[in-house]
C-alpha atoms as a PDB file:
ATOM      1  CA  MET A   1      86.845  80.362  59.996  1.00  0.00           C
ATOM      2  CA  LYS A   2      86.312  82.386  56.825  1.00  0.00           C
ATOM      3  CA  ARG A   3      86.336  80.403  53.605  1.00  0.00           C
ATOM      4  CA  THR A   4      87.300  81.648  50.138  1.00  0.00           C
ATOM      5  CA  LEU A   5      85.146  80.036  47.467  1.00  0.00           C
ATOM      6  CA  MET A   6      83.886  80.859  44.007  1.00  0.00           C
ATOM      7  CA  ALA A   7      81.011  83.222  44.731  1.00  0.00           C
ATOM      8  CA  LEU A   8      77.781  84.431  43.208  1.00  0.00           C
ATOM      9  CA  ALA A   9      77.082  88.133  43.793  1.00  0.00           C
ATOM     10  CA  VAL A  10      73.399  88.727  44.416  1.00  0.00           C
ATOM     11  CA  PRO A  11      71.904  92.217  43.913  1.00  0.00           C
ATOM     12  CA  PRO A  12      69.824  93.740  46.732  1.00  0.00           C
ATOM     13  CA  LEU A  13      66.508  92.916  45.074  1.00  0.00           C
ATOM     14  CA  ALA A  14      63.642  90.562  45.781  1.00  0.00           C
ATOM     15  CA  ILE A  15      64.710  86.927  45.420  1.00  0.00           C
ATOM     16  CA  ALA A  16      62.265  84.151  44.602  1.00  0.00           C
ATOM     17  CA  GLY A  17      63.383  80.967  46.317  1.00  0.00           C
ATOM     18  CA  LEU A  18      67.110  81.357  45.796  1.00  0.00           C
ATOM     19  CA  SER A  19      69.008  78.071  46.022  1.00  0.00           C
ATOM     20  CA  LEU A  20      72.743  77.945  45.460  1.00  0.00           C
ATOM     21  CA  GLY A  21      72.495  74.513  43.950  1.00  0.00           C
ATOM     22  CA  ALA A  22      69.503  75.241  41.727  1.00  0.00           C
ATOM     23  CA  SER A  23      70.335  78.753  40.631  1.00  0.00           C
ATOM     24  CA  THR A  24      74.102  78.539  40.253  1.00  0.00           C
ATOM     25  CA  SER A  25      75.331  75.215  38.977  1.00  0.00           C
ATOM     26  CA  GLN A  26      78.954  76.395  39.064  1.00  0.00           C
ATOM     27  CA  ALA A  27      78.911  78.378  42.315  1.00  0.00           C
ATOM     28  CA  ASP A  28      79.374  76.947  45.780  1.00  0.00           C
ATOM     29  CA  ALA A  29      79.195  80.322  47.529  1.00  0.00           C
ATOM     30  CA  MET A  30      76.933  83.349  47.517  1.00  0.00           C
ATOM     31  CA  PHE A  31      77.812  86.921  48.398  1.00  0.00           C
ATOM     32  CA  LEU A  32      74.922  89.039  49.596  1.00  0.00           C
ATOM     33  CA  PRO A  33      75.783  92.755  49.386  1.00  0.00           C
ATOM     34  CA  THR A  34      74.850  95.645  51.621  1.00  0.00           C
ATOM     35  CA  GLY A  35      71.134  96.362  51.568  1.00  0.00           C
ATOM     36  CA  VAL A  36      67.826  94.602  52.110  1.00  0.00           C
ATOM     37  CA  VAL A  37      67.211  91.362  50.219  1.00  0.00           C
ATOM     38  CA  ARG A  38      63.536  90.363  50.261  1.00  0.00           C
ATOM     39  CA  VAL A  39      62.589  86.728  49.749  1.00  0.00           C
ATOM     40  CA  ASP A  40      59.302  85.007  48.948  1.00  0.00           C
ATOM     41  CA  LYS A  41      60.809  81.563  49.636  1.00  0.00           C
ATOM     42  CA  PRO A  42      63.735  80.603  51.855  1.00  0.00           C
ATOM     43  CA  ILE A  43      67.274  81.080  50.649  1.00  0.00           C
ATOM     44  CA  VAL A  44      68.605  77.506  50.476  1.00  0.00           C
ATOM     45  CA  VAL A  45      72.247  76.986  51.413  1.00  0.00           C
ATOM     46  CA  PRO A  46      73.102  73.450  50.239  1.00  0.00           C
ATOM     47  CA  ALA A  47      75.532  70.974  51.717  1.00  0.00           C
ATOM     48  CA  PHE A  48      78.947  72.631  52.138  1.00  0.00           C
ATOM     49  CA  GLY A  49      77.687  75.864  50.586  1.00  0.00           C
ATOM     50  CA  LEU A  50      78.477  79.366  51.830  1.00  0.00           C
ATOM     51  CA  ALA A  51      76.189  82.364  52.316  1.00  0.00           C
ATOM     52  CA  ARG A  52      78.101  85.500  53.295  1.00  0.00           C
ATOM     53  CA  GLY A  53      76.872  89.046  53.748  1.00  0.00           C
ATOM     54  CA  SER A  54      78.640  92.370  54.151  1.00  0.00           C
ATOM     55  CA  GLY A  55      78.148  92.326  57.908  1.00  0.00           C
ATOM     56  CA  SER A  56      75.482  91.973  60.539  1.00  0.00           C
ATOM     57  CA  GLY A  57      73.107  94.897  60.139  1.00  0.00           C
ATOM     58  CA  GLN A  58      74.563  95.653  56.705  1.00  0.00           C
ATOM     59  CA  THR A  59      73.139  92.753  54.717  1.00  0.00           C
ATOM     60  CA  VAL A  60      69.533  92.163  55.784  1.00  0.00           C
ATOM     61  CA  ILE A  61      67.401  89.237  54.616  1.00  0.00           C
ATOM     62  CA  ALA A  62      63.714  90.067  55.070  1.00  0.00           C
ATOM     63  CA  PRO A  63      60.373  88.648  53.883  1.00  0.00           C
ATOM     64  CA  ALA A  64      58.605  89.927  50.801  1.00  0.00           C
ATOM     65  CA  ALA A  65      55.003  91.036  51.181  1.00  0.00           C
ATOM     66  CA  GLY A  66      52.823  88.121  52.256  1.00  0.00           C
ATOM     67  CA  TYR A  67      55.646  85.627  52.850  1.00  0.00           C
ATOM     68  CA  THR A  68      55.544  83.963  56.273  1.00  0.00           C
ATOM     69  CA  GLY A  69      57.948  81.006  55.981  1.00  0.00           C
ATOM     70  CA  PRO A  70      61.605  80.592  56.991  1.00  0.00           C
ATOM     71  CA  LEU A  71      64.080  83.137  55.643  1.00  0.00           C
ATOM     72  CA  MET A  72      66.988  80.708  55.191  1.00  0.00           C
ATOM     73  CA  THR A  73      67.530  76.945  55.347  1.00  0.00           C
ATOM     74  CA  ALA A  74      70.806  75.035  55.438  1.00  0.00           C
ATOM     75  CA  GLY A  75      72.121  71.488  55.491  1.00  0.00           C
ATOM     76  CA  PRO A  76      75.372  69.682  56.387  1.00  0.00           C
ATOM     77  CA  GLY A  77      78.623  71.595  56.090  1.00  0.00           C
ATOM     78  CA  ALA A  78      76.951  74.929  55.330  1.00  0.00           C
ATOM     79  CA  THR A  79      78.463  78.229  56.451  1.00  0.00           C
ATOM     80  CA  ILE A  80      76.338  81.314  57.116  1.00  0.00           C
ATOM     81  CA  GLU A  81      78.088  84.484  58.199  1.00  0.00           C
ATOM     82  CA  ASP A  82      78.045  88.287  58.355  1.00  0.00           C
ATOM     83  CA  LEU A  83      74.343  89.007  57.856  1.00  0.00           C
ATOM     84  CA  THR A  84      71.015  89.762  59.539  1.00  0.00           C
ATOM     85  CA  LEU A  85      67.857  87.691  59.194  1.00  0.00           C
ATOM     86  CA  ASP A  86      64.953  90.026  59.987  1.00  0.00           C
ATOM     87  CA  GLY A  87      61.532  88.397  60.186  1.00  0.00           C
ATOM     88  CA  GLN A  88      59.853  91.797  60.588  1.00  0.00           C
ATOM     89  CA  SER A  89      57.116  90.135  62.692  1.00  0.00           C
ATOM     90  CA  GLN A  90      56.086  88.224  59.572  1.00  0.00           C
ATOM     91  CA  ALA A  91      58.470  85.329  58.874  1.00  0.00           C
ATOM     92  CA  THR A  92      58.121  82.316  61.166  1.00  0.00           C
ATOM     93  CA  ILE A  93      61.791  81.244  61.363  1.00  0.00           C
ATOM     94  CA  GLY A  94      65.066  83.023  60.704  1.00  0.00           C
ATOM     95  CA  LEU A  95      67.406  80.073  60.083  1.00  0.00           C
ATOM     96  CA  GLN A  96      66.298  76.451  59.805  1.00  0.00           C
ATOM     97  CA  LEU A  97      68.963  73.732  60.029  1.00  0.00           C
ATOM     98  CA  THR A  98      68.201  70.121  59.080  1.00  0.00           C
ATOM     99  CA  ASP A  99      70.641  67.238  59.723  1.00  0.00           C
ATOM    100  CA  ALA A 100      73.300  69.928  59.676  1.00  0.00           C
ATOM    101  CA  SER A 101      76.591  68.360  60.751  1.00  0.00           C
ATOM    102  CA  GLN A 102      79.642  70.617  60.435  1.00  0.00           C
ATOM    103  CA  VAL A 103      77.523  73.731  60.052  1.00  0.00           C
ATOM    104  CA  THR A 104      79.075  77.101  60.943  1.00  0.00           C
ATOM    105  CA  VAL A 105      77.050  80.186  61.849  1.00  0.00           C
ATOM    106  CA  GLU A 106      79.177  83.232  62.626  1.00  0.00           C
ATOM    107  CA  SER A 107      78.515  86.954  63.086  1.00  0.00           C
ATOM    108  CA  VAL A 108      74.801  86.542  62.409  1.00  0.00           C
ATOM    109  CA  GLU A 109      71.859  88.471  63.838  1.00  0.00           C
ATOM    110  CA  VAL A 110      68.326  87.052  63.847  1.00  0.00           C
ATOM    111  CA  LYS A 111      65.340  89.127  64.918  1.00  0.00           C
ATOM    112  CA  GLY A 112      61.631  89.694  64.589  1.00  0.00           C
ATOM    113  CA  THR A 113      60.445  86.144  63.834  1.00  0.00           C
ATOM    114  CA  THR A 114      56.963  85.005  64.807  1.00  0.00           C
ATOM    115  CA  GLN A 115      58.102  81.567  65.989  1.00  0.00           C
ATOM    116  CA  VAL A 116      61.777  80.564  66.391  1.00  0.00           C
ATOM    117  CA  GLY A 117      64.920  82.539  65.616  1.00  0.00           C
ATOM    118  CA  ILE A 118      67.198  79.562  64.855  1.00  0.00           C
ATOM    119  CA  VAL A 119      65.996  75.957  64.914  1.00  0.00           C
ATOM    120  CA  GLY A 120      68.046  72.801  64.370  1.00  0.00           C
ATOM    121  CA  THR A 121      66.502  69.362  63.917  1.00  0.00           C
ATOM    122  CA  ALA A 122      68.035  65.999  63.082  1.00  0.00           C
ATOM    123  CA  SER A 123      66.701  62.620  62.008  1.00  0.00           C
ATOM    124  CA  VAL A 124      70.182  61.182  62.602  1.00  0.00           C
ATOM    125  CA  GLY A 125      72.945  62.145  65.007  1.00  0.00           C
ATOM    126  CA  VAL A 126      74.906  65.165  63.808  1.00  0.00           C
ATOM    127  CA  GLY A 127      77.858  67.050  65.221  1.00  0.00           C
ATOM    128  CA  GLU A 128      80.744  69.487  64.815  1.00  0.00           C
ATOM    129  CA  GLN A 129      78.446  72.494  64.769  1.00  0.00           C
ATOM    130  CA  GLU A 130      79.759  75.978  65.554  1.00  0.00           C
ATOM    131  CA  PHE A 131      77.716  79.040  66.510  1.00  0.00           C
ATOM    132  CA  THR A 132      79.881  82.103  67.183  1.00  0.00           C
ATOM    133  CA  ASP A 133      78.958  85.751  67.748  1.00  0.00           C
ATOM    134  CA  VAL A 134      75.244  85.174  67.200  1.00  0.00           C
ATOM    135  CA  THR A 135      72.542  87.546  68.472  1.00  0.00           C
ATOM    136  CA  ILE A 136      68.855  86.630  68.497  1.00  0.00           C
ATOM    137  CA  LYS A 137      66.305  89.185  69.650  1.00  0.00           C
ATOM    138  CA  ASP A 138      62.690  90.307  69.530  1.00  0.00           C
ATOM    139  CA  CYS A 139      61.336  86.889  68.515  1.00  0.00           C
ATOM    140  CA  ALA A 140      57.770  86.104  69.513  1.00  0.00           C
ATOM    141  CA  GLY A 141      58.621  82.481  70.314  1.00  0.00           C
ATOM    142  CA  LEU A 142      61.802  80.657  71.271  1.00  0.00           C
ATOM    143  CA  GLY A 143      65.081  82.293  70.356  1.00  0.00           C
ATOM    144  CA  PHE A 144      67.230  79.200  69.700  1.00  0.00           C
ATOM    145  CA  SER A 145      66.331  75.499  69.651  1.00  0.00           C
ATOM    146  CA  ASN A 146      68.829  72.807  68.693  1.00  0.00           C
ATOM    147  CA  ALA A 147      68.334  69.047  68.948  1.00  0.00           C
ATOM    148  CA  GLY A 148      70.115  65.970  67.674  1.00  0.00           C
ATOM    149  CA  ALA A 149      73.704  67.256  67.547  1.00  0.00           C
ATOM    150  CA  ASN A 150      74.998  64.289  69.531  1.00  0.00           C
ATOM    151  CA  GLY A 151      78.455  64.658  68.038  1.00  0.00           C
ATOM    152  CA  GLY A 152      78.732  68.037  69.739  1.00  0.00           C
ATOM    153  CA  ALA A 153      78.099  71.713  69.122  1.00  0.00           C
ATOM    154  CA  ASP A 154      79.949  74.837  70.272  1.00  0.00           C
ATOM    155  CA  TYR A 155      78.021  77.944  71.295  1.00  0.00           C
ATOM    156  CA  THR A 156      80.345  80.903  71.834  1.00  0.00           C
ATOM    157  CA  ASN A 157      79.210  84.460  72.508  1.00  0.00           C
ATOM    158  CA  VAL A 158      75.566  83.745  71.721  1.00  0.00           C
ATOM    159  CA  LYS A 159      72.976  86.195  73.062  1.00  0.00           C
ATOM    160  CA  VAL A 160      69.190  85.759  73.142  1.00  0.00           C
ATOM    161  CA  GLN A 161      67.149  88.697  74.390  1.00  0.00           C
ATOM    162  CA  ASN A 162      63.573  89.971  74.383  1.00  0.00           C
ATOM    163  CA  CYS A 163      62.132  86.792  72.894  1.00  0.00           C
ATOM    164  CA  GLY A 164      59.323  84.632  74.231  1.00  0.00           C
ATOM    165  CA  ALA A 165      61.948  82.240  75.647  1.00  0.00           C
ATOM    166  CA  GLY A 166      65.715  81.896  75.318  1.00  0.00           C
ATOM    167  CA  MET A 167      67.663  78.756  74.304  1.00  0.00           C
ATOM    168  CA  VAL A 168      66.790  75.055  74.478  1.00  0.00           C
ATOM    169  CA  ILE A 169      69.700  72.670  73.849  1.00  0.00           C
ATOM    170  CA  SER A 170      68.706  68.999  73.547  1.00  0.00           C
ATOM    171  CA  HIS A 171      71.813  67.087  72.494  1.00  0.00           C
ATOM    172  CA  ALA A 172      75.018  65.623  73.881  1.00  0.00           C
ATOM    173  CA  ASN A 173      78.437  67.281  74.186  1.00  0.00           C
ATOM    174  CA  ALA A 174      77.388  70.922  74.043  1.00  0.00           C
ATOM    175  CA  ALA A 175      80.100  73.496  74.795  1.00  0.00           C
ATOM    176  CA  ILE A 176      78.290  76.623  75.970  1.00  0.00           C
ATOM    177  CA  VAL A 177      80.656  79.539  76.559  1.00  0.00           C
ATOM    178  CA  ALA A 178      79.925  83.250  77.081  1.00  0.00           C
ATOM    179  CA  VAL A 179      76.211  82.829  76.402  1.00  0.00           C
ATOM    180  CA  GLN A 180      73.611  85.348  77.587  1.00  0.00           C
ATOM    181  CA  THR A 181      69.839  84.868  77.802  1.00  0.00           C
ATOM    182  CA  VAL A 182      68.220  88.084  78.975  1.00  0.00           C
ATOM    183  CA  ASN A 183      64.701  89.491  79.398  1.00  0.00           C
ATOM    184  CA  ASN A 184      62.822  86.728  77.606  1.00  0.00           C
ATOM    185  CA  THR A 185      59.248  87.389  78.542  1.00  0.00           C
ATOM    186  CA  ARG A 186      57.275  84.140  78.447  1.00  0.00           C
ATOM    187  CA  GLY A 187      59.655  81.347  79.399  1.00  0.00           C
ATOM    188  CA  ASP A 188      63.057  80.180  80.590  1.00  0.00           C
ATOM    189  CA  GLY A 189      66.458  81.590  79.708  1.00  0.00           C
ATOM    190  CA  LEU A 190      68.945  78.750  79.071  1.00  0.00           C
ATOM    191  CA  VAL A 191      67.586  75.179  79.077  1.00  0.00           C
ATOM    192  CA  LEU A 192      69.616  71.986  78.772  1.00  0.00           C
ATOM    193  CA  ARG A 193      67.191  69.115  78.208  1.00  0.00           C
ATOM    194  CA  ASN A 194      67.829  65.351  77.978  1.00  0.00           C
ATOM    195  CA  ALA A 195      71.484  66.011  77.215  1.00  0.00           C
ATOM    196  CA  SER A 196      74.819  64.680  78.444  1.00  0.00           C
ATOM    197  CA  GLY A 197      78.430  65.779  78.691  1.00  0.00           C
ATOM    198  CA  ALA A 198      77.773  69.523  78.553  1.00  0.00           C
ATOM    199  CA  THR A 199      80.283  72.225  79.417  1.00  0.00           C
ATOM    200  CA  ILE A 200      78.724  75.516  80.526  1.00  0.00           C
ATOM    201  CA  ILE A 201      81.175  78.330  81.285  1.00  0.00           C
ATOM    202  CA  ASN A 202      80.782  82.083  81.813  1.00  0.00           C
ATOM    203  CA  VAL A 203      77.042  82.357  81.220  1.00  0.00           C
ATOM    204  CA  ARG A 204      74.527  85.012  82.258  1.00  0.00           C
ATOM    205  CA  SER A 205      70.778  84.605  82.484  1.00  0.00           C
ATOM    206  CA  ALA A 206      68.674  87.431  83.895  1.00  0.00           C
ATOM    207  CA  GLY A 207      65.222  88.947  83.694  1.00  0.00           C
ATOM    208  CA  ASN A 208      63.534  85.880  82.192  1.00  0.00           C
ATOM    209  CA  SER A 209      59.946  85.174  83.213  1.00  0.00           C
ATOM    210  CA  GLY A 210      60.607  81.505  84.058  1.00  0.00           C
ATOM    211  CA  THR A 211      63.857  79.879  85.187  1.00  0.00           C
ATOM    212  CA  GLY A 212      67.190  81.486  84.330  1.00  0.00           C
ATOM    213  CA  ILE A 213      69.272  78.305  83.887  1.00  0.00           C
ATOM    214  CA  ARG A 214      67.297  75.053  83.794  1.00  0.00           C
ATOM    215  CA  ILE A 215      69.056  71.685  83.666  1.00  0.00           C
ATOM    216  CA  THR A 216      66.489  68.960  82.942  1.00  0.00           C
ATOM    217  CA  ASN A 217      67.437  65.251  83.008  1.00  0.00           C
ATOM    218  CA  SER A 218      70.917  66.191  81.804  1.00  0.00           C
ATOM    219  CA  THR A 219      74.544  65.838  82.894  1.00  0.00           C
ATOM    220  CA  ILE A 220      77.164  68.565  83.096  1.00  0.00           C
ATOM    221  CA  ALA A 221      80.814  67.586  82.777  1.00  0.00           C
ATOM    222  CA  ALA A 222      82.035  71.020  83.859  1.00  0.00           C
ATOM    223  CA  GLY A 223      80.403  74.306  84.775  1.00  0.00           C
ATOM    224  CA  SER A 224      81.817  77.585  86.082  1.00  0.00           C
ATOM    225  CA  ALA A 225      81.140  81.314  86.309  1.00  0.00           C
ATOM    226  CA  TRP A 226      77.343  81.291  86.185  1.00  0.00           C
ATOM    227  CA  LEU A 227      75.380  84.452  86.937  1.00  0.00           C
ATOM    228  CA  SER A 228      71.626  83.979  87.067  1.00  0.00           C
ATOM    229  CA  SER A 229      69.432  86.602  88.711  1.00  0.00           C
ATOM    230  CA  ALA A 230      66.191  88.574  88.529  1.00  0.00           C
ATOM    231  CA  ASN A 231      64.271  85.696  86.966  1.00  0.00           C
ATOM    232  CA  GLY A 232      60.588  85.090  87.548  1.00  0.00           C
ATOM    233  CA  THR A 233      60.516  81.535  88.974  1.00  0.00           C
ATOM    234  CA  ASN A 234      63.988  80.086  89.638  1.00  0.00           C
ATOM    235  CA  ASP A 235      67.467  81.375  88.973  1.00  0.00           C
ATOM    236  CA  VAL A 236      69.027  77.890  88.647  1.00  0.00           C
ATOM    237  CA  TRP A 237      67.076  74.626  88.673  1.00  0.00           C
ATOM    238  CA  PHE A 238      68.529  71.105  88.483  1.00  0.00           C
ATOM    239  CA  GLU A 239      65.456  69.129  87.530  1.00  0.00           C
ATOM    240  CA  GLY A 240      64.684  65.406  87.425  1.00  0.00           C
ATOM    241  CA  ASN A 241      67.756  63.180  87.226  1.00  0.00           C
ATOM    242  CA  SER A 242      70.242  65.915  86.368  1.00  0.00           C
ATOM    243  CA  ARG A 243      73.868  65.616  87.504  1.00  0.00           C
ATOM    244  CA  ALA A 244      76.823  68.002  87.672  1.00  0.00           C
ATOM    245  CA  ALA A 245      80.301  66.485  87.934  1.00  0.00           C
ATOM    246  CA  SER A 246      82.019  69.824  88.524  1.00  0.00           C
ATOM    247  CA  LEU A 247      80.405  73.187  89.244  1.00  0.00           C
ATOM    248  CA  THR A 248      82.162  76.289  90.600  1.00  0.00           C
ATOM    249  CA  GLY A 249      81.502  79.983  90.940  1.00  0.00           C
ATOM    250  CA  VAL A 250      77.711  80.339  90.770  1.00  0.00           C
ATOM    251  CA  VAL A 251      75.992  83.626  91.670  1.00  0.00           C
ATOM    252  CA  VAL A 252      72.207  83.723  92.027  1.00  0.00           C
ATOM    253  CA  GLY A 253      69.541  85.801  93.733  1.00  0.00           C
ATOM    254  CA  TRP A 254      68.701  89.442  94.130  1.00  0.00           C
ATOM    255  CA  THR A 255      70.150  92.164  91.939  1.00  0.00           C
ATOM    256  CA  PRO A 256      70.764  95.553  93.584  1.00  0.00           C
ATOM    257  CA  CYS A 257      68.498  98.350  92.351  1.00  0.00           C
ATOM    258  CA  GLY A 258      65.908  95.805  91.223  1.00  0.00           C
ATOM    259  CA  LEU A 259      67.523  95.411  87.815  1.00  0.00           C
ATOM    260  CA  GLY A 260      65.715  92.976  85.533  1.00  0.00           C
ATOM    261  CA  ALA A 261      62.192  92.827  84.199  1.00  0.00           C
ATOM    262  CA  PHE A 262      61.122  90.166  86.712  1.00  0.00           C
ATOM    263  CA  GLN A 263      63.145  91.294  89.716  1.00  0.00           C
ATOM    264  CA  GLY A 264      61.075  91.115  92.871  1.00  0.00           C
ATOM    265  CA  GLY A 265      63.150  88.960  95.146  1.00  0.00           C
ATOM    266  CA  ARG A 266      60.471  86.282  94.917  1.00  0.00           C
ATOM    267  CA  GLU A 267      62.293  83.725  92.764  1.00  0.00           C
ATOM    268  CA  ASN A 268      63.849  80.558  94.141  1.00  0.00           C
ATOM    269  CA  PRO A 269      67.559  81.327  93.627  1.00  0.00           C
ATOM    270  CA  TRP A 270      68.933  77.761  93.844  1.00  0.00           C
ATOM    271  CA  ARG A 271      66.716  74.722  93.330  1.00  0.00           C
ATOM    272  CA  VAL A 272      67.866  71.092  93.178  1.00  0.00           C
ATOM    273  CA  ASP A 273      65.295  68.297  92.980  1.00  0.00           C
ATOM    274  CA  ALA A 274      65.646  65.391  95.408  1.00  0.00           C
ATOM    275  CA  THR A 275      66.452  63.122  92.466  1.00  0.00           C
ATOM    276  CA  ALA A 276      69.166  65.446  91.126  1.00  0.00           C
ATOM    277  CA  SER A 277      72.757  66.081  92.242  1.00  0.00           C
ATOM    278  CA  ALA A 278      74.572  69.401  91.887  1.00  0.00           C
ATOM    279  CA  PRO A 279      77.510  69.762  94.306  1.00  0.00           C
ATOM    280  CA  VAL A 280      78.835  73.289  93.869  1.00  0.00           C
ATOM    281  CA  THR A 281      81.916  75.132  95.082  1.00  0.00           C
ATOM    282  CA  GLY A 282      81.565  78.862  95.549  1.00  0.00           C
ATOM    283  CA  LEU A 283      77.786  79.320  95.490  1.00  0.00           C
ATOM    284  CA  ARG A 284      76.767  82.888  96.347  1.00  0.00           C
ATOM    285  CA  VAL A 285      73.125  83.733  96.969  1.00  0.00           C
ATOM    286  CA  ASN A 286      72.545  87.481  96.946  1.00  0.00           C
ATOM    287  CA  LYS A 287      69.896  88.523  99.444  1.00  0.00           C
ATOM    288  CA  LYS A 288      67.415  91.309  98.894  1.00  0.00           C
ATOM    289  CA  THR A 289      69.242  94.552  99.584  1.00  0.00           C
ATOM    290  CA  ASN A 290      69.899  97.953  98.067  1.00  0.00           C
ATOM    291  CA  ASP A 291      73.546  97.942  99.075  1.00  0.00           C
ATOM    292  CA  TYR A 292      75.823  99.148  96.300  1.00  0.00           C
ATOM    293  CA  CYS A 293      72.786 100.474  94.455  1.00  0.00           C
ATOM    294  CA  VAL A 294      73.542 103.684  92.572  1.00  0.00           C
ATOM    295  CA  VAL A 295      70.547 105.600  91.245  1.00  0.00           C
ATOM    296  CA  PRO A 296      71.460 107.781  88.241  1.00  0.00           C
ATOM    297  CA  LYS A 297      70.996 111.503  88.762  1.00  0.00           C
ATOM    298  CA  THR A 298      68.406 113.360  86.704  1.00  0.00           C
ATOM    299  CA  GLY A 299      68.276 116.983  85.642  1.00  0.00           C
ATOM    300  CA  ASN A 300      71.136 119.448  85.941  1.00  0.00           C
END
């Protein structure tokens, strides 16, 4: 939800450690215009502050020469929207969230970080987080890591691609809807770890070097419409003491035409440990075949 607050307009110039609270005692919002804003310290969005750009790909936050830290940090109640955080293979983290209950991240692109695209940590239980229309790509490490949001977090239309690994969610009551983790080259796609009460609906995980969807010592309240294929090790893996109360409509296995960076038909499409339980209705395992494969024509 877009908020209207008293705003500080920031010119597209280098910014040294911009903090809404420190730099603008009267402003609770910051407008970042079209252009590249270079920072030599993270932009700090304080509790219940707002950082808004002109649009993803239009407002670009990037590191100044020699700066390798996070591009932006935020705390409880912060809203970050309509901008790109571009690490340019220099900054370690795009967005760092700490004890960030009620945080909203919407229409944000993160790319080119040397470690993690978005990372959330908590020393206490947090919740009511919303991540909507977020794209993370070309990160050397993990695309998205979020832990401690035991009061719940919603992930809607989040895509992680071409990173070292995709998403790791380690908290209770996650609602994961329309999420894609694709072509992450050194790890798993979507990982739910030591979590409970998750809802995972309409997700796609393909072309990851490890497991496409990995449920580790976690419980799923409801899951449906999963497509996981062309992954390097497993397409879906229920690991340890994981449980699924309701799971329907899961498609795993071979992709016609060999689509996907790790497609070779060698992955384990559906893996459930002896200590886990994952009763599923409507499981389809695609076998290795070229049926329905259409090879694009070349030349005239």
